[in-house]
Amino acid sequence: MSKAKKSFDEKIWELLAKIPRGKVTTYKLLAKAAGNANAARAVGNACNKNPDSPKVPCHRVVGSDGSIGGYAHGIRAKIALLAKEGVVVRRGKVQDFNRCLYKF
């Protein structure tokens, strides 16, 4: 019996679980890690549909320039979750972005 092929969303949720506390990654890096570097918007959609948030940490995904981006539970909640993990956000961007960036 063969395993069912994982959907793109399921791949994203698996990758999200690998991002450590206190780190962020980008929609583009997640798309690339899932096998489609041009699917950053699809990553955003997968994050929005994440059935296990915040346990599966979609709040750790930000724009390529460190901007916060969207969050299904609201931007304030995303910033609060990141702050609990030691990620500083000012004026809508992650401070010390390069230090906080997680690459797959």
Protein backbone atom coordinates (compact mmCIF):
# COMPACT_ATOMS: atom_id res chain seq x y z
CA MET A 1 0.00 0.00 0.00
CA SER A 2 1.47 3.38 -1.00
CA LYS A 3 1.31 6.56 1.00
CA ALA A 4 -1.05 9.25 -0.20
CA LYS A 5 0.73 12.22 -1.74
CA LYS A 6 0.83 15.23 0.58
CA SER A 7 -0.93 18.38 -0.50
CA PHE A 8 1.04 21.60 -0.81
CA ASP A 9 -0.67 22.89 2.34
CA GLU A 10 0.37 19.78 4.28
CA LYS A 11 3.98 20.23 3.14
CA ILE A 12 3.89 23.82 4.36
CA TRP A 13 2.44 22.83 7.74
CA GLU A 14 5.20 20.22 8.17
CA LEU A 15 7.86 22.80 7.34
CA LEU A 16 6.30 25.35 9.70
CA ALA A 17 6.73 22.90 12.57
CA LYS A 18 10.51 22.97 11.97
CA ILE A 19 10.91 26.72 12.54
CA PRO A 20 12.39 27.18 16.03
CA ARG A 21 11.06 29.59 18.64
CA GLY A 22 12.59 33.02 18.28
CA LYS A 23 13.13 32.59 14.54
CA VAL A 24 11.15 33.66 11.49
CA THR A 25 11.22 32.61 7.86
CA THR A 26 9.76 34.09 4.71
CA TYR A 27 6.90 33.05 2.48
CA LYS A 28 9.40 32.71 -0.38
CA LEU A 29 11.83 30.50 1.59
CA LEU A 30 8.94 28.26 2.63
CA ALA A 31 7.72 28.01 -0.96
CA LYS A 32 11.21 27.05 -2.12
CA ALA A 33 11.57 24.45 0.66
CA ALA A 34 8.21 22.95 -0.40
CA GLY A 35 9.44 22.60 -3.97
CA ASN A 36 7.93 25.64 -5.72
CA ALA A 37 9.92 28.85 -5.33
CA ASN A 38 7.16 30.82 -7.10
CA ALA A 39 4.40 29.81 -4.69
CA ALA A 40 4.81 32.45 -1.96
CA ARG A 41 1.12 33.40 -2.20
CA ALA A 42 0.11 29.76 -1.89
CA VAL A 43 2.23 29.62 1.29
CA GLY A 44 0.23 32.55 2.64
CA ASN A 45 -3.00 30.72 1.83
CA ALA A 46 -1.73 27.55 3.52
CA CYS A 47 -0.80 29.55 6.61
CA ASN A 48 -4.26 31.12 6.65
CA LYS A 49 -5.86 27.65 6.56
CA ASN A 50 -3.51 26.20 9.21
CA PRO A 51 -5.81 24.04 11.36
CA ASP A 52 -3.35 23.82 14.25
CA SER A 53 -2.28 27.44 14.78
CA PRO A 54 -0.36 28.53 16.86
CA LYS A 55 0.96 25.04 17.68
CA VAL A 56 2.05 24.87 14.04
CA PRO A 57 3.70 28.30 14.05
CA CYS A 58 2.50 30.16 10.98
CA HIS A 59 3.03 33.36 13.00
CA ARG A 60 6.76 32.85 12.32
CA VAL A 61 6.34 33.58 8.59
CA VAL A 62 7.07 37.12 7.40
CA GLY A 63 7.78 38.99 4.18
CA SER A 64 11.20 38.90 2.52
CA ASP A 65 11.91 42.39 3.84
CA GLY A 66 10.98 41.44 7.42
CA SER A 67 7.51 42.95 7.20
CA ILE A 68 4.92 41.19 9.35
CA GLY A 69 2.38 40.29 6.66
CA GLY A 70 -1.01 38.84 7.51
CA TYR A 71 -2.19 36.44 10.17
CA ALA A 72 -5.53 34.62 10.47
CA HIS A 73 -5.86 35.70 14.13
CA GLY A 74 -4.89 39.31 13.43
CA ILE A 75 -1.64 41.24 13.21
CA ARG A 76 -1.63 42.17 16.91
CA ALA A 77 -1.82 38.49 17.87
CA LYS A 78 1.03 37.66 15.48
CA ILE A 79 3.23 40.39 16.93
CA ALA A 80 2.37 39.30 20.49
CA LEU A 81 3.29 35.67 19.74
CA LEU A 82 6.58 36.76 18.16
CA ALA A 83 7.33 39.03 21.14
CA LYS A 84 6.79 36.11 23.55
CA GLU A 85 9.49 34.30 21.60
CA GLY A 86 11.91 37.23 21.74
CA VAL A 87 11.38 38.52 18.20
CA VAL A 88 11.21 42.31 18.28
CA VAL A 89 8.82 44.00 15.84
CA ARG A 90 8.92 47.76 15.28
CA ARG A 91 6.92 49.73 12.75
CA GLY A 92 5.61 46.51 11.24
CA LYS A 93 9.00 44.88 10.64
CA VAL A 94 11.14 42.31 12.42
CA GLN A 95 14.14 44.01 13.96
CA ASP A 96 17.51 42.30 13.51
CA PHE A 97 15.88 40.34 10.70
CA ASN A 98 19.06 38.56 9.56
CA ARG A 99 19.74 37.23 13.07
CA CYS A 100 16.18 35.96 13.39
CA LEU A 101 15.94 34.46 9.89
CA TYR A 102 15.58 30.67 9.66
CA LYS A 103 16.60 29.08 6.37
CA PHE A 104 15.66 25.55 5.44
